[in-house]
Amino acid sequence: MQSRFVRETMTSIEEWIKQLRILDPKRVRVYEAFVDTVNMEINGKIYCNVKPRRPFPYTHPEYIIFFAEDDTELGILTDYRKLDRMSRKRLERVLKIIYYIPQIKRIIKLDTTKSRYEWEIETDKGVVVIKTWSRCTRWLPNGKLLIYDVDGNVYIVEDISKLDPKSRAYLDIVA
């Protein structure tokens, strides 16, 4: 026999699941892409200035929640890659702007002598100097490494094995 707590918890979870608006990618079209919004059709209804957001940008970037101008949730795509080709391309263009994360290609220098670490790194957009605290890294389940600087910016190492030996040695110090 289930306890009252288990029954109430199961009921609340079931109600929450019913409230989710899971979208069928075959019934979603993106018609226009702007800097951080899209105009789109969902189940035959047109929406303008829709804000796409990734609830899990690092671990499950394929999930997208769409919000109307007034921040009302319009629905969730569990895998935006199943959209038609043009809709997917338009949406990806916006997502690349919203969720741009510089990719670290090489660590040129790492100074750990102060309370803040100073890094000189080469990213996919050029060489930059960043400052971090000692606990600034986070390993993701997919093997990628995130580095957070003191200003809240995020940098990513997509594949540690592709870094040169010196860069990997620097990461051994901090990761």
C-alpha atoms as a PDB file:
ATOM      1  CA  MET A   1       0.000   0.000   0.000  1.00  0.00           C
ATOM      2  CA  GLN A   2       1.369   3.423  -0.992  1.00  0.00           C
ATOM      3  CA  SER A   3       1.785   6.114   1.611  1.00  0.00           C
ATOM      4  CA  ARG A   4      -0.132   9.364   1.334  1.00  0.00           C
ATOM      5  CA  PHE A   5       3.129  11.209   0.587  1.00  0.00           C
ATOM      6  CA  VAL A   6       3.941   8.870  -2.336  1.00  0.00           C
ATOM      7  CA  ARG A   7       0.395   9.218  -3.754  1.00  0.00           C
ATOM      8  CA  GLU A   8       0.487  13.024  -3.475  1.00  0.00           C
ATOM      9  CA  THR A   9       3.978  13.202  -4.991  1.00  0.00           C
ATOM     10  CA  MET A  10       3.000  10.952  -7.883  1.00  0.00           C
ATOM     11  CA  THR A  11      -0.136  13.028  -8.489  1.00  0.00           C
ATOM     12  CA  SER A  12       1.832  16.290  -8.517  1.00  0.00           C
ATOM     13  CA  ILE A  13       4.409  14.840 -10.921  1.00  0.00           C
ATOM     14  CA  GLU A  14       1.648  13.527 -13.181  1.00  0.00           C
ATOM     15  CA  GLU A  15      -0.048  16.942 -13.156  1.00  0.00           C
ATOM     16  CA  TRP A  16       3.264  18.648 -13.939  1.00  0.00           C
ATOM     17  CA  ILE A  17       3.881  16.299 -16.879  1.00  0.00           C
ATOM     18  CA  LYS A  18       0.362  17.000 -18.228  1.00  0.00           C
ATOM     19  CA  GLN A  19       1.143  20.732 -18.145  1.00  0.00           C
ATOM     20  CA  LEU A  20       4.270  20.341 -20.270  1.00  0.00           C
ATOM     21  CA  ARG A  21       3.707  21.495 -23.814  1.00  0.00           C
ATOM     22  CA  ILE A  22       5.881  19.074 -25.765  1.00  0.00           C
ATOM     23  CA  LEU A  23       5.920  20.221 -29.386  1.00  0.00           C
ATOM     24  CA  ASP A  24       5.881  17.985 -32.424  1.00  0.00           C
ATOM     25  CA  PRO A  25       8.755  19.197 -34.646  1.00  0.00           C
ATOM     26  CA  LYS A  26       6.618  18.438 -37.713  1.00  0.00           C
ATOM     27  CA  ARG A  27       4.152  21.106 -36.523  1.00  0.00           C
ATOM     28  CA  VAL A  28       6.768  23.802 -35.857  1.00  0.00           C
ATOM     29  CA  ARG A  29       8.183  26.195 -38.501  1.00  0.00           C
ATOM     30  CA  VAL A  30      10.662  29.012 -38.028  1.00  0.00           C
ATOM     31  CA  TYR A  31      10.049  31.696 -40.673  1.00  0.00           C
ATOM     32  CA  GLU A  32      12.404  34.486 -39.641  1.00  0.00           C
ATOM     33  CA  ALA A  33      15.456  34.703 -37.412  1.00  0.00           C
ATOM     34  CA  PHE A  34      16.656  37.901 -35.773  1.00  0.00           C
ATOM     35  CA  VAL A  35      19.437  38.524 -33.259  1.00  0.00           C
ATOM     36  CA  ASP A  36      17.799  36.805 -30.284  1.00  0.00           C
ATOM     37  CA  THR A  37      14.221  36.052 -31.374  1.00  0.00           C
ATOM     38  CA  VAL A  38      12.386  34.214 -34.129  1.00  0.00           C
ATOM     39  CA  ASN A  39       9.035  34.452 -35.874  1.00  0.00           C
ATOM     40  CA  MET A  40       7.462  31.038 -36.031  1.00  0.00           C
ATOM     41  CA  GLU A  41       4.403  28.867 -36.426  1.00  0.00           C
ATOM     42  CA  ILE A  42       3.412  26.349 -33.770  1.00  0.00           C
ATOM     43  CA  ASN A  43       0.475  24.032 -34.482  1.00  0.00           C
ATOM     44  CA  GLY A  44      -0.846  26.393 -37.163  1.00  0.00           C
ATOM     45  CA  LYS A  45      -0.635  29.575 -35.069  1.00  0.00           C
ATOM     46  CA  ILE A  46       1.855  32.368 -35.895  1.00  0.00           C
ATOM     47  CA  TYR A  47       3.988  33.864 -33.110  1.00  0.00           C
ATOM     48  CA  CYS A  48       6.338  36.844 -33.457  1.00  0.00           C
ATOM     49  CA  ASN A  49       9.416  37.756 -31.420  1.00  0.00           C
ATOM     50  CA  VAL A  50       9.617  34.330 -29.809  1.00  0.00           C
ATOM     51  CA  LYS A  51      12.580  33.786 -27.474  1.00  0.00           C
ATOM     52  CA  PRO A  52      14.214  30.349 -27.800  1.00  0.00           C
ATOM     53  CA  ARG A  53      15.995  29.184 -24.643  1.00  0.00           C
ATOM     54  CA  ARG A  54      18.033  26.119 -23.794  1.00  0.00           C
ATOM     55  CA  PRO A  55      17.132  24.746 -20.347  1.00  0.00           C
ATOM     56  CA  PHE A  56      20.262  22.535 -20.361  1.00  0.00           C
ATOM     57  CA  PRO A  57      22.716  24.428 -22.610  1.00  0.00           C
ATOM     58  CA  TYR A  58      25.781  22.316 -21.790  1.00  0.00           C
ATOM     59  CA  THR A  59      24.459  18.799 -21.260  1.00  0.00           C
ATOM     60  CA  HIS A  60      21.397  18.697 -23.553  1.00  0.00           C
ATOM     61  CA  PRO A  61      21.574  21.606 -25.987  1.00  0.00           C
ATOM     62  CA  GLU A  62      19.003  19.964 -28.263  1.00  0.00           C
ATOM     63  CA  TYR A  63      16.162  20.880 -25.842  1.00  0.00           C
ATOM     64  CA  ILE A  64      14.563  24.243 -26.622  1.00  0.00           C
ATOM     65  CA  ILE A  65      11.816  26.077 -24.745  1.00  0.00           C
ATOM     66  CA  PHE A  66      10.018  28.816 -26.666  1.00  0.00           C
ATOM     67  CA  PHE A  67       8.699  31.900 -24.860  1.00  0.00           C
ATOM     68  CA  ALA A  68       6.295  34.537 -26.192  1.00  0.00           C
ATOM     69  CA  GLU A  69       7.028  38.266 -25.863  1.00  0.00           C
ATOM     70  CA  ASP A  70       5.231  38.317 -22.491  1.00  0.00           C
ATOM     71  CA  ASP A  71       7.379  35.370 -21.278  1.00  0.00           C
ATOM     72  CA  THR A  72       4.530  32.875 -21.531  1.00  0.00           C
ATOM     73  CA  GLU A  73       5.883  29.439 -22.321  1.00  0.00           C
ATOM     74  CA  LEU A  74       4.726  28.322 -25.770  1.00  0.00           C
ATOM     75  CA  GLY A  75       6.201  24.839 -25.688  1.00  0.00           C
ATOM     76  CA  ILE A  76       9.231  22.577 -25.548  1.00  0.00           C
ATOM     77  CA  LEU A  77      11.052  20.863 -28.383  1.00  0.00           C
ATOM     78  CA  THR A  78      12.904  17.842 -27.051  1.00  0.00           C
ATOM     79  CA  ASP A  79      15.168  17.818 -30.107  1.00  0.00           C
ATOM     80  CA  TYR A  80      15.226  20.881 -32.345  1.00  0.00           C
ATOM     81  CA  ARG A  81      17.401  18.969 -34.827  1.00  0.00           C
ATOM     82  CA  LYS A  82      14.205  17.210 -35.990  1.00  0.00           C
ATOM     83  CA  LEU A  83      12.829  20.467 -37.423  1.00  0.00           C
ATOM     84  CA  ASP A  84      12.748  20.881 -41.193  1.00  0.00           C
ATOM     85  CA  ARG A  85      16.107  21.957 -42.628  1.00  0.00           C
ATOM     86  CA  MET A  86      15.360  25.688 -43.065  1.00  0.00           C
ATOM     87  CA  SER A  87      13.682  26.045 -39.665  1.00  0.00           C
ATOM     88  CA  ARG A  88      16.631  24.309 -38.029  1.00  0.00           C
ATOM     89  CA  LYS A  89      19.149  26.579 -39.794  1.00  0.00           C
ATOM     90  CA  ARG A  90      17.264  29.740 -38.802  1.00  0.00           C
ATOM     91  CA  LEU A  91      16.934  28.624 -35.187  1.00  0.00           C
ATOM     92  CA  GLU A  92      20.603  27.598 -34.999  1.00  0.00           C
ATOM     93  CA  ARG A  93      21.645  31.041 -36.242  1.00  0.00           C
ATOM     94  CA  VAL A  94      19.864  32.644 -33.264  1.00  0.00           C
ATOM     95  CA  LEU A  95      21.081  30.030 -30.785  1.00  0.00           C
ATOM     96  CA  LYS A  96      24.698  30.563 -31.858  1.00  0.00           C
ATOM     97  CA  ILE A  97      24.362  34.227 -30.902  1.00  0.00           C
ATOM     98  CA  ILE A  98      22.538  33.662 -27.618  1.00  0.00           C
ATOM     99  CA  TYR A  99      24.713  30.765 -26.460  1.00  0.00           C
ATOM    100  CA  TYR A 100      28.079  31.695 -27.892  1.00  0.00           C
ATOM    101  CA  ILE A 101      30.815  30.040 -25.828  1.00  0.00           C
ATOM    102  CA  PRO A 102      34.425  30.571 -26.898  1.00  0.00           C
ATOM    103  CA  GLN A 103      36.201  27.262 -27.516  1.00  0.00           C
ATOM    104  CA  ILE A 104      39.637  26.951 -25.979  1.00  0.00           C
ATOM    105  CA  LYS A 105      42.162  25.693 -28.530  1.00  0.00           C
ATOM    106  CA  ARG A 106      45.331  26.188 -26.469  1.00  0.00           C
ATOM    107  CA  ILE A 107      46.450  27.454 -23.074  1.00  0.00           C
ATOM    108  CA  ILE A 108      49.441  29.674 -23.688  1.00  0.00           C
ATOM    109  CA  LYS A 109      50.166  30.635 -20.080  1.00  0.00           C
ATOM    110  CA  LEU A 110      48.652  30.048 -16.629  1.00  0.00           C
ATOM    111  CA  ASP A 111      49.754  32.047 -13.582  1.00  0.00           C
ATOM    112  CA  THR A 112      48.567  30.453 -10.329  1.00  0.00           C
ATOM    113  CA  THR A 113      50.747  32.484  -7.927  1.00  0.00           C
ATOM    114  CA  LYS A 114      47.964  34.840  -6.788  1.00  0.00           C
ATOM    115  CA  SER A 115      44.504  34.206  -5.337  1.00  0.00           C
ATOM    116  CA  ARG A 116      43.139  34.762  -8.840  1.00  0.00           C
ATOM    117  CA  TYR A 117      44.538  32.736 -11.679  1.00  0.00           C
ATOM    118  CA  GLU A 118      45.502  34.548 -14.850  1.00  0.00           C
ATOM    119  CA  TRP A 119      45.178  32.625 -18.097  1.00  0.00           C
ATOM    120  CA  GLU A 120      46.340  33.506 -21.557  1.00  0.00           C
ATOM    121  CA  ILE A 121      44.306  31.321 -23.872  1.00  0.00           C
ATOM    122  CA  GLU A 122      43.801  30.904 -27.571  1.00  0.00           C
ATOM    123  CA  THR A 123      40.130  30.522 -28.468  1.00  0.00           C
ATOM    124  CA  ASP A 124      38.344  30.006 -31.754  1.00  0.00           C
ATOM    125  CA  LYS A 125      38.018  33.825 -31.859  1.00  0.00           C
ATOM    126  CA  GLY A 126      41.599  34.726 -30.957  1.00  0.00           C
ATOM    127  CA  VAL A 127      43.913  35.113 -27.973  1.00  0.00           C
ATOM    128  CA  VAL A 128      42.482  36.505 -24.714  1.00  0.00           C
ATOM    129  CA  VAL A 129      43.589  36.929 -21.111  1.00  0.00           C
ATOM    130  CA  ILE A 130      41.077  35.865 -18.469  1.00  0.00           C
ATOM    131  CA  LYS A 131      41.105  35.756 -14.664  1.00  0.00           C
ATOM    132  CA  THR A 132      39.523  32.968 -12.627  1.00  0.00           C
ATOM    133  CA  TRP A 133      39.252  31.859  -9.027  1.00  0.00           C
ATOM    134  CA  SER A 134      40.935  28.611  -8.038  1.00  0.00           C
ATOM    135  CA  ARG A 135      37.730  26.541  -8.377  1.00  0.00           C
ATOM    136  CA  CYS A 136      36.742  27.606 -11.865  1.00  0.00           C
ATOM    137  CA  THR A 137      36.257  24.379 -13.810  1.00  0.00           C
ATOM    138  CA  ARG A 138      33.382  21.968 -14.258  1.00  0.00           C
ATOM    139  CA  TRP A 139      33.529  18.623 -16.016  1.00  0.00           C
ATOM    140  CA  LEU A 140      30.414  17.726 -17.968  1.00  0.00           C
ATOM    141  CA  PRO A 141      29.105  14.164 -18.333  1.00  0.00           C
ATOM    142  CA  ASN A 142      29.975  14.265 -22.055  1.00  0.00           C
ATOM    143  CA  GLY A 143      33.683  14.825 -21.273  1.00  0.00           C
ATOM    144  CA  LYS A 144      33.767  18.543 -22.067  1.00  0.00           C
ATOM    145  CA  LEU A 145      35.308  21.010 -19.636  1.00  0.00           C
ATOM    146  CA  LEU A 146      33.839  24.408 -18.755  1.00  0.00           C
ATOM    147  CA  ILE A 147      35.980  27.225 -17.359  1.00  0.00           C
ATOM    148  CA  TYR A 148      34.283  30.196 -15.665  1.00  0.00           C
ATOM    149  CA  ASP A 149      36.073  33.535 -15.358  1.00  0.00           C
ATOM    150  CA  VAL A 150      35.552  36.123 -12.589  1.00  0.00           C
ATOM    151  CA  ASP A 151      33.217  38.136 -14.838  1.00  0.00           C
ATOM    152  CA  GLY A 152      30.835  35.196 -15.356  1.00  0.00           C
ATOM    153  CA  ASN A 153      31.983  34.349 -18.878  1.00  0.00           C
ATOM    154  CA  VAL A 154      32.169  30.691 -19.843  1.00  0.00           C
ATOM    155  CA  TYR A 155      34.822  29.022 -22.005  1.00  0.00           C
ATOM    156  CA  ILE A 156      34.746  25.412 -23.176  1.00  0.00           C
ATOM    157  CA  VAL A 157      37.285  22.731 -23.974  1.00  0.00           C
ATOM    158  CA  GLU A 158      35.423  20.434 -26.359  1.00  0.00           C
ATOM    159  CA  ASP A 159      37.991  17.616 -26.394  1.00  0.00           C
ATOM    160  CA  ILE A 160      40.897  17.542 -23.948  1.00  0.00           C
ATOM    161  CA  SER A 161      42.759  14.982 -26.065  1.00  0.00           C
ATOM    162  CA  LYS A 162      43.022  17.491 -28.929  1.00  0.00           C
ATOM    163  CA  LEU A 163      44.939  19.993 -26.784  1.00  0.00           C
ATOM    164  CA  ASP A 164      48.706  20.161 -26.951  1.00  0.00           C
ATOM    165  CA  PRO A 165      50.671  18.566 -24.038  1.00  0.00           C
ATOM    166  CA  LYS A 166      51.450  21.939 -22.393  1.00  0.00           C
ATOM    167  CA  SER A 167      47.750  22.903 -22.345  1.00  0.00           C
ATOM    168  CA  ARG A 168      46.797  19.534 -20.853  1.00  0.00           C
ATOM    169  CA  ALA A 169      49.479  19.957 -18.183  1.00  0.00           C
ATOM    170  CA  TYR A 170      48.032  23.355 -17.225  1.00  0.00           C
ATOM    171  CA  LEU A 171      44.575  21.808 -16.925  1.00  0.00           C
ATOM    172  CA  ASP A 172      45.976  19.091 -14.654  1.00  0.00           C
ATOM    173  CA  ILE A 173      46.794  21.870 -12.196  1.00  0.00           C
ATOM    174  CA  VAL A 174      43.298  23.318 -12.009  1.00  0.00           C
ATOM    175  CA  ALA A 175      40.774  20.720 -13.233  1.00  0.00           C
END
